[in-house]
Structures are given as C-alpha cells and as structure tokens.
C-alpha cells in the first residue's frame, strides 16, 4: 500500500504546487449549503470523491473537493465570474460572460448600441431605449455627422467639427471665399471661381482692361 500511496501523494502535491498561485475555495460535497462551504485544509491522500471533482478540483478528503479559482459547488461543477455578469449575462468560463443583446463589456456592464457609437459617443439606455450620447461637435444616430456651426457654403461639406471640406475654387472656414487663379486687378473682387467683379473704369476677366470712353 505504501508503494501505491507515495506516488499518488507526490502527484497531488505537484498539482497543488502548480495551482499555488490561484486563490482556492473548499467545498464540502455533502454539505447542506447549496454552493459549498469553506472547511479547514486537511489533506488525505487516500480520499475518494464520488462523483469526482470537476474542473481540476482536488479531492482532499472523502467527498470534499478543493476548487480552483473560477469554480465552486459540491464537486466544483459551477463556473463563476467575478465581478458577476450583470444585466442577465451568463458566465461561460472564469472571467468570461456571454451578454444578451443591448449590453456588452467584460461583465455585461455597458449598454451597446447597434453598430456602436462613433467619434467618442457613449451608448446609454434611456427609458429602456438604447441611444448614443454624442460628444461635442457630433450628431446623428451613431454620432457619425460632424457639426459646423458656421455652415459650409458653395457645395462644401462638414468634415469634422468646425472644419469644412471645400470644393475646388472655394476656400475659407465656411467655403465662402472664391479663388481666382489670376488675381483680379485694379481693386477688382473675386466673386466666384475665376470670376472677377471689376471696379470703376476697368473691365475684362481680370479687370485689367480700361473701359473705352
């Protein structure tokens, strides 16, 4: 008997050393407690647990399992998540929750909007309705549309908060300034792409011709 017991004892000690870095929980297999109770550590190399301990649990006394972190129950049959899964989430394995639609995060603690919220937006549940709360300068159902308070004129579009993307021939914060490749002369003003409005007695595409009297 000693020849058989010694290897078993050494093997269990080896397993205990491998699990030494994990917080462990004791659970009494025949305890009246529904989720196990903590008992003093007393190891019996001849102990038998029927049914056997699950999920790498160790049988330390007859029908007494020593559960590794993330498992509990009479025979370590229940997986646990800490913190516990919230909002109806299901614990699949230690530290891994499966979340129902509308919530996400490691522990199902965050609301999630369909498609996600962009540009720093945050998904919130308002009266059981999921909505994106957009950061400053953004709007839309997913915070996908930038806001340009000054407006973008002449076919420009708002690229980012306060920044317009202007078409060719227009510049300025609101795409309100026309560009004339050849400057208008004699005080003329560029009023449209390559279109000058001349002053006084000057005319021509760039206001360089003097009007005949």
C-alpha atoms as a PDB file:
ATOM      1  CA  UNK A   1       0.000   0.000   0.000  1.00  0.00           C
ATOM      2  CA  UNK A   2       2.822   2.429   0.743  1.00  0.00           C
ATOM      3  CA  UNK A   3       4.275   1.905  -2.724  1.00  0.00           C
ATOM      4  CA  UNK A   4       0.943   2.904  -4.289  1.00  0.00           C
ATOM      5  CA  UNK A   5       0.184   5.759  -1.899  1.00  0.00           C
ATOM      6  CA  UNK A   6       3.512   7.597  -2.199  1.00  0.00           C
ATOM      7  CA  UNK A   7       3.298   8.277  -5.960  1.00  0.00           C
ATOM      8  CA  UNK A   8      -0.309   9.424  -5.598  1.00  0.00           C
ATOM      9  CA  UNK A   9       0.637  11.710  -2.726  1.00  0.00           C
ATOM     10  CA  UNK A  10       3.529  13.215  -4.731  1.00  0.00           C
ATOM     11  CA  UNK A  11       1.347  13.671  -7.798  1.00  0.00           C
ATOM     12  CA  UNK A  12      -1.282  15.584  -5.830  1.00  0.00           C
ATOM     13  CA  UNK A  13       1.392  17.716  -4.179  1.00  0.00           C
ATOM     14  CA  UNK A  14       2.717  18.518  -7.655  1.00  0.00           C
ATOM     15  CA  UNK A  15      -0.753  19.642  -8.758  1.00  0.00           C
ATOM     16  CA  UNK A  16      -1.144  21.726  -5.611  1.00  0.00           C
ATOM     17  CA  UNK A  17       2.174  23.437  -6.322  1.00  0.00           C
ATOM     18  CA  UNK A  18       1.033  24.187  -9.868  1.00  0.00           C
ATOM     19  CA  UNK A  19      -2.147  25.787  -8.542  1.00  0.00           C
ATOM     20  CA  UNK A  20      -0.500  27.552  -5.622  1.00  0.00           C
ATOM     21  CA  UNK A  21      -0.739  30.927  -7.322  1.00  0.00           C
ATOM     22  CA  UNK A  22      -4.537  30.674  -7.631  1.00  0.00           C
ATOM     23  CA  UNK A  23      -6.928  31.572  -4.802  1.00  0.00           C
ATOM     24  CA  UNK A  24      -8.699  28.319  -3.995  1.00  0.00           C
ATOM     25  CA  UNK A  25     -12.037  27.531  -2.401  1.00  0.00           C
ATOM     26  CA  UNK A  26     -13.018  24.482  -0.430  1.00  0.00           C
ATOM     27  CA  UNK A  27     -16.456  22.990  -0.848  1.00  0.00           C
ATOM     28  CA  UNK A  28     -17.987  20.137   1.091  1.00  0.00           C
ATOM     29  CA  UNK A  29     -19.521  17.618  -1.323  1.00  0.00           C
ATOM     30  CA  UNK A  30     -22.197  16.534   1.054  1.00  0.00           C
ATOM     31  CA  UNK A  31     -22.771  19.901   2.678  1.00  0.00           C
ATOM     32  CA  UNK A  32     -26.280  21.257   3.044  1.00  0.00           C
ATOM     33  CA  UNK A  33     -25.004  24.585   1.660  1.00  0.00           C
ATOM     34  CA  UNK A  34     -26.105  24.987  -1.939  1.00  0.00           C
ATOM     35  CA  UNK A  35     -22.800  26.410  -3.156  1.00  0.00           C
ATOM     36  CA  UNK A  36     -20.257  24.785  -0.850  1.00  0.00           C
ATOM     37  CA  UNK A  37     -18.708  25.789   2.445  1.00  0.00           C
ATOM     38  CA  UNK A  38     -15.165  26.608   3.441  1.00  0.00           C
ATOM     39  CA  UNK A  39     -13.562  23.965   5.628  1.00  0.00           C
ATOM     40  CA  UNK A  40     -10.098  23.710   7.208  1.00  0.00           C
ATOM     41  CA  UNK A  41      -7.494  22.278   4.858  1.00  0.00           C
ATOM     42  CA  UNK A  42      -6.938  18.639   5.783  1.00  0.00           C
ATOM     43  CA  UNK A  43      -5.421  16.535   3.025  1.00  0.00           C
ATOM     44  CA  UNK A  44      -5.948  12.796   2.879  1.00  0.00           C
ATOM     45  CA  UNK A  45      -4.034  11.075   0.054  1.00  0.00           C
ATOM     46  CA  UNK A  46      -6.464   8.145   0.256  1.00  0.00           C
ATOM     47  CA  UNK A  47      -9.552  10.312  -0.045  1.00  0.00           C
ATOM     48  CA  UNK A  48     -12.214   9.485  -2.610  1.00  0.00           C
ATOM     49  CA  UNK A  49     -14.820  11.823  -4.035  1.00  0.00           C
ATOM     50  CA  UNK A  50     -17.881  10.310  -5.674  1.00  0.00           C
ATOM     51  CA  UNK A  51     -18.756  11.806  -8.082  1.00  0.00           C
ATOM     52  CA  UNK A  52     -15.234  13.072  -8.813  1.00  0.00           C
ATOM     53  CA  UNK A  53     -14.231  16.718  -8.564  1.00  0.00           C
ATOM     54  CA  UNK A  54     -14.554  18.627 -11.826  1.00  0.00           C
ATOM     55  CA  UNK A  55     -12.507  21.382 -13.479  1.00  0.00           C
ATOM     56  CA  UNK A  56      -9.157  20.413 -11.941  1.00  0.00           C
ATOM     57  CA  UNK A  57     -10.643  20.331  -8.461  1.00  0.00           C
ATOM     58  CA  UNK A  58      -8.736  18.194  -5.920  1.00  0.00           C
ATOM     59  CA  UNK A  59     -10.234  15.564  -3.655  1.00  0.00           C
ATOM     60  CA  UNK A  60      -8.608  16.325  -0.296  1.00  0.00           C
ATOM     61  CA  UNK A  61     -10.955  14.341   1.972  1.00  0.00           C
ATOM     62  CA  UNK A  62     -13.708  11.866   1.335  1.00  0.00           C
ATOM     63  CA  UNK A  63     -16.331  13.692  -0.737  1.00  0.00           C
ATOM     64  CA  UNK A  64     -14.623  17.027  -0.182  1.00  0.00           C
ATOM     65  CA  UNK A  65     -13.372  18.957  -3.219  1.00  0.00           C
ATOM     66  CA  UNK A  66     -10.796  21.725  -3.287  1.00  0.00           C
ATOM     67  CA  UNK A  67     -11.891  24.024  -6.168  1.00  0.00           C
ATOM     68  CA  UNK A  68      -9.632  26.223  -8.261  1.00  0.00           C
ATOM     69  CA  UNK A  69     -10.456  29.865  -8.793  1.00  0.00           C
ATOM     70  CA  UNK A  70     -13.443  30.375 -11.034  1.00  0.00           C
ATOM     71  CA  UNK A  71     -15.295  27.247  -9.926  1.00  0.00           C
ATOM     72  CA  UNK A  72     -17.473  26.348  -6.985  1.00  0.00           C
ATOM     73  CA  UNK A  73     -20.096  23.857  -5.892  1.00  0.00           C
ATOM     74  CA  UNK A  74     -20.064  20.441  -4.254  1.00  0.00           C
ATOM     75  CA  UNK A  75     -17.822  18.978  -6.949  1.00  0.00           C
ATOM     76  CA  UNK A  76     -16.599  22.290  -8.451  1.00  0.00           C
ATOM     77  CA  UNK A  77     -19.250  21.977 -11.146  1.00  0.00           C
ATOM     78  CA  UNK A  78     -20.295  25.630 -11.259  1.00  0.00           C
ATOM     79  CA  UNK A  79     -18.320  28.231 -13.173  1.00  0.00           C
ATOM     80  CA  UNK A  80     -18.143  31.702 -11.619  1.00  0.00           C
ATOM     81  CA  UNK A  81     -17.270  35.160 -12.894  1.00  0.00           C
ATOM     82  CA  UNK A  82     -16.010  37.911 -10.625  1.00  0.00           C
ATOM     83  CA  UNK A  83     -17.358  40.502 -10.734  1.00  0.00           C
ATOM     84  CA  UNK A  84     -20.532  38.626 -11.577  1.00  0.00           C
ATOM     85  CA  UNK A  85     -22.093  39.001 -15.027  1.00  0.00           C
ATOM     86  CA  UNK A  86     -24.642  41.808 -14.983  1.00  0.00           C
ATOM     87  CA  UNK A  87     -27.825  42.597 -16.889  1.00  0.00           C
ATOM     88  CA  UNK A  88     -28.729  38.962 -17.473  1.00  0.00           C
ATOM     89  CA  UNK A  89     -25.288  37.909 -18.706  1.00  0.00           C
ATOM     90  CA  UNK A  90     -24.222  34.263 -18.466  1.00  0.00           C
ATOM     91  CA  UNK A  91     -20.857  33.136 -17.116  1.00  0.00           C
ATOM     92  CA  UNK A  92     -19.316  30.795 -19.711  1.00  0.00           C
ATOM     93  CA  UNK A  93     -15.938  30.278 -18.080  1.00  0.00           C
ATOM     94  CA  UNK A  94     -13.976  32.068 -15.355  1.00  0.00           C
ATOM     95  CA  UNK A  95     -13.932  35.761 -16.216  1.00  0.00           C
ATOM     96  CA  UNK A  96     -15.884  35.331 -19.478  1.00  0.00           C
ATOM     97  CA  UNK A  97     -19.502  36.467 -19.732  1.00  0.00           C
ATOM     98  CA  UNK A  98     -21.939  35.980 -22.598  1.00  0.00           C
ATOM     99  CA  UNK A  99     -24.044  39.116 -22.779  1.00  0.00           C
ATOM    100  CA  UNK A 100     -27.617  39.476 -24.039  1.00  0.00           C
ATOM    101  CA  UNK A 101     -28.379  41.915 -26.877  1.00  0.00           C
ATOM    102  CA  UNK A 102     -28.024  45.549 -25.907  1.00  0.00           C
ATOM    103  CA  UNK A 103     -25.247  45.145 -23.353  1.00  0.00           C
ATOM    104  CA  UNK A 104     -21.545  44.454 -23.621  1.00  0.00           C
ATOM    105  CA  UNK A 105     -18.254  44.777 -21.820  1.00  0.00           C
ATOM    106  CA  UNK A 106     -16.306  42.109 -19.970  1.00  0.00           C
ATOM    107  CA  UNK A 107     -19.038  41.715 -17.377  1.00  0.00           C
ATOM    108  CA  UNK A 108     -22.037  42.880 -19.449  1.00  0.00           C
ATOM    109  CA  UNK A 109     -21.945  46.167 -17.569  1.00  0.00           C
ATOM    110  CA  UNK A 110     -22.124  48.522 -20.555  1.00  0.00           C
ATOM    111  CA  UNK A 111     -25.003  49.323 -22.858  1.00  0.00           C
ATOM    112  CA  UNK A 112     -24.182  48.697 -26.524  1.00  0.00           C
ATOM    113  CA  UNK A 113     -25.947  50.395 -29.413  1.00  0.00           C
ATOM    114  CA  UNK A 114     -26.439  48.647 -32.733  1.00  0.00           C
ATOM    115  CA  UNK A 115     -23.406  49.447 -34.857  1.00  0.00           C
ATOM    116  CA  UNK A 116     -21.699  51.224 -31.978  1.00  0.00           C
ATOM    117  CA  UNK A 117     -21.322  54.926 -31.229  1.00  0.00           C
ATOM    118  CA  UNK A 118     -18.649  56.742 -33.226  1.00  0.00           C
ATOM    119  CA  UNK A 119     -16.364  59.680 -32.514  1.00  0.00           C
ATOM    120  CA  UNK A 120     -16.345  59.307 -28.748  1.00  0.00           C
ATOM    121  CA  UNK A 121     -20.094  58.814 -28.383  1.00  0.00           C
ATOM    122  CA  UNK A 122     -21.415  56.808 -25.444  1.00  0.00           C
ATOM    123  CA  UNK A 123     -24.273  54.325 -25.579  1.00  0.00           C
ATOM    124  CA  UNK A 124     -26.883  54.898 -22.878  1.00  0.00           C
ATOM    125  CA  UNK A 125     -30.184  53.274 -22.031  1.00  0.00           C
ATOM    126  CA  UNK A 126     -32.883  55.935 -21.757  1.00  0.00           C
ATOM    127  CA  UNK A 127     -36.281  54.571 -20.730  1.00  0.00           C
ATOM    128  CA  UNK A 128     -35.153  51.131 -21.942  1.00  0.00           C
ATOM    129  CA  UNK A 129     -34.233  52.610 -25.337  1.00  0.00           C
ATOM    130  CA  UNK A 130     -30.583  52.481 -26.389  1.00  0.00           C
ATOM    131  CA  UNK A 131     -29.256  55.775 -27.731  1.00  0.00           C
ATOM    132  CA  UNK A 132     -25.874  57.283 -28.491  1.00  0.00           C
ATOM    133  CA  UNK A 133     -24.936  60.326 -26.449  1.00  0.00           C
ATOM    134  CA  UNK A 134     -22.635  62.232 -28.782  1.00  0.00           C
ATOM    135  CA  UNK A 135     -19.609  64.235 -27.767  1.00  0.00           C
ATOM    136  CA  UNK A 136     -19.431  67.928 -28.596  1.00  0.00           C
ATOM    137  CA  UNK A 137     -19.363  68.647 -32.327  1.00  0.00           C
ATOM    138  CA  UNK A 138     -21.057  65.424 -33.444  1.00  0.00           C
ATOM    139  CA  UNK A 139     -24.630  64.323 -34.066  1.00  0.00           C
ATOM    140  CA  UNK A 140     -26.617  61.528 -35.716  1.00  0.00           C
ATOM    141  CA  UNK A 141     -27.913  58.157 -34.548  1.00  0.00           C
ATOM    142  CA  UNK A 142     -24.326  56.900 -34.262  1.00  0.00           C
ATOM    143  CA  UNK A 143     -22.620  60.287 -33.812  1.00  0.00           C
ATOM    144  CA  UNK A 144     -21.388  59.978 -37.384  1.00  0.00           C
ATOM    145  CA  UNK A 145     -22.180  63.512 -38.561  1.00  0.00           C
ATOM    146  CA  UNK A 146     -19.881  66.429 -37.776  1.00  0.00           C
ATOM    147  CA  UNK A 147     -21.339  69.819 -36.869  1.00  0.00           C
ATOM    148  CA  UNK A 148     -20.049  73.038 -38.446  1.00  0.00           C
ATOM    149  CA  UNK A 149     -21.828  75.916 -36.687  1.00  0.00           C
ATOM    150  CA  UNK A 150     -20.725  78.371 -39.380  1.00  0.00           C
ATOM    151  CA  UNK A 151     -22.181  76.215 -42.153  1.00  0.00           C
ATOM    152  CA  UNK A 152     -20.379  75.047 -45.277  1.00  0.00           C
ATOM    153  CA  UNK A 153     -21.367  77.032 -48.376  1.00  0.00           C
ATOM    154  CA  UNK A 154     -21.000  76.580 -52.106  1.00  0.00           C
ATOM    155  CA  UNK A 155     -21.180  72.796 -52.039  1.00  0.00           C
ATOM    156  CA  UNK A 156     -18.787  72.285 -49.144  1.00  0.00           C
ATOM    157  CA  UNK A 157     -19.381  69.582 -46.559  1.00  0.00           C
ATOM    158  CA  UNK A 158     -18.601  69.395 -42.867  1.00  0.00           C
ATOM    159  CA  UNK A 159     -15.578  67.126 -42.479  1.00  0.00           C
ATOM    160  CA  UNK A 160     -15.011  67.483 -38.732  1.00  0.00           C
ATOM    161  CA  UNK A 161     -16.408  69.756 -36.012  1.00  0.00           C
ATOM    162  CA  UNK A 162     -15.985  73.308 -37.313  1.00  0.00           C
ATOM    163  CA  UNK A 163     -13.976  72.208 -40.377  1.00  0.00           C
ATOM    164  CA  UNK A 164     -15.421  72.377 -43.901  1.00  0.00           C
ATOM    165  CA  UNK A 165     -14.195  70.405 -46.881  1.00  0.00           C
ATOM    166  CA  UNK A 166     -14.482  72.894 -49.745  1.00  0.00           C
ATOM    167  CA  UNK A 167     -14.848  72.120 -53.465  1.00  0.00           C
ATOM    168  CA  UNK A 168     -12.316  73.406 -55.970  1.00  0.00           C
ATOM    169  CA  UNK A 169     -12.429  77.155 -56.345  1.00  0.00           C
ATOM    170  CA  UNK A 170     -13.557  77.896 -52.799  1.00  0.00           C
ATOM    171  CA  UNK A 171     -11.687  78.378 -49.515  1.00  0.00           C
ATOM    172  CA  UNK A 172     -12.336  79.759 -46.052  1.00  0.00           C
ATOM    173  CA  UNK A 173     -13.833  78.429 -42.853  1.00  0.00           C
ATOM    174  CA  UNK A 174     -17.261  78.246 -44.475  1.00  0.00           C
ATOM    175  CA  UNK A 175     -16.105  77.801 -48.103  1.00  0.00           C
ATOM    176  CA  UNK A 176     -17.255  81.368 -48.646  1.00  0.00           C
ATOM    177  CA  UNK A 177     -14.201  82.807 -50.392  1.00  0.00           C
ATOM    178  CA  UNK A 178     -13.824  82.318 -54.139  1.00  0.00           C
ATOM    179  CA  UNK A 179     -10.423  81.637 -55.679  1.00  0.00           C
ATOM    180  CA  UNK A 180      -9.271  83.312 -58.869  1.00  0.00           C
ATOM    181  CA  UNK A 181      -6.157  81.670 -60.268  1.00  0.00           C
ATOM    182  CA  UNK A 182      -5.153  85.001 -61.765  1.00  0.00           C
ATOM    183  CA  UNK A 183      -5.766  87.779 -59.241  1.00  0.00           C
ATOM    184  CA  UNK A 184      -8.295  90.450 -60.081  1.00  0.00           C
ATOM    185  CA  UNK A 185      -6.563  93.718 -60.938  1.00  0.00           C
ATOM    186  CA  UNK A 186      -7.229  97.335 -60.080  1.00  0.00           C
ATOM    187  CA  UNK A 187      -9.283  96.656 -56.972  1.00  0.00           C
ATOM    188  CA  UNK A 188     -11.481  94.028 -58.578  1.00  0.00           C
ATOM    189  CA  UNK A 189     -13.008  91.350 -56.347  1.00  0.00           C
ATOM    190  CA  UNK A 190     -13.098  87.597 -56.937  1.00  0.00           C
ATOM    191  CA  UNK A 191     -16.779  86.704 -56.526  1.00  0.00           C
ATOM    192  CA  UNK A 192     -16.736  83.158 -57.941  1.00  0.00           C
ATOM    193  CA  UNK A 193     -14.024  80.749 -59.097  1.00  0.00           C
ATOM    194  CA  UNK A 194     -12.037  82.689 -61.722  1.00  0.00           C
ATOM    195  CA  UNK A 195     -14.743  85.359 -61.946  1.00  0.00           C
ATOM    196  CA  UNK A 196     -13.831  88.955 -61.126  1.00  0.00           C
ATOM    197  CA  UNK A 197     -16.118  91.871 -60.404  1.00  0.00           C
ATOM    198  CA  UNK A 198     -14.346  94.965 -61.606  1.00  0.00           C
ATOM    199  CA  UNK A 199     -14.417  98.475 -60.221  1.00  0.00           C
ATOM    200  CA  UNK A 200     -14.543 101.839 -61.862  1.00  0.00           C
ATOM    201  CA  UNK A 201     -13.281 102.092 -65.371  1.00  0.00           C
ATOM    202  CA  UNK A 202     -11.768  98.620 -65.633  1.00  0.00           C
ATOM    203  CA  UNK A 203     -13.158  95.517 -67.259  1.00  0.00           C
ATOM    204  CA  UNK A 204     -12.074  92.136 -68.601  1.00  0.00           C
ATOM    205  CA  UNK A 205     -11.673  88.698 -66.981  1.00  0.00           C
ATOM    206  CA  UNK A 206      -9.099  90.042 -64.527  1.00  0.00           C
ATOM    207  CA  UNK A 207     -10.160  93.706 -64.607  1.00  0.00           C
ATOM    208  CA  UNK A 208      -7.002  94.694 -66.477  1.00  0.00           C
ATOM    209  CA  UNK A 209      -8.606  96.412 -69.431  1.00  0.00           C
ATOM    210  CA  UNK A 210      -9.611 100.040 -69.240  1.00  0.00           C
ATOM    211  CA  UNK A 211     -13.076 100.818 -70.472  1.00  0.00           C
ATOM    212  CA  UNK A 212     -13.233 102.940 -73.595  1.00  0.00           C
ATOM    213  CA  UNK A 213     -14.826 106.310 -73.095  1.00  0.00           C
END
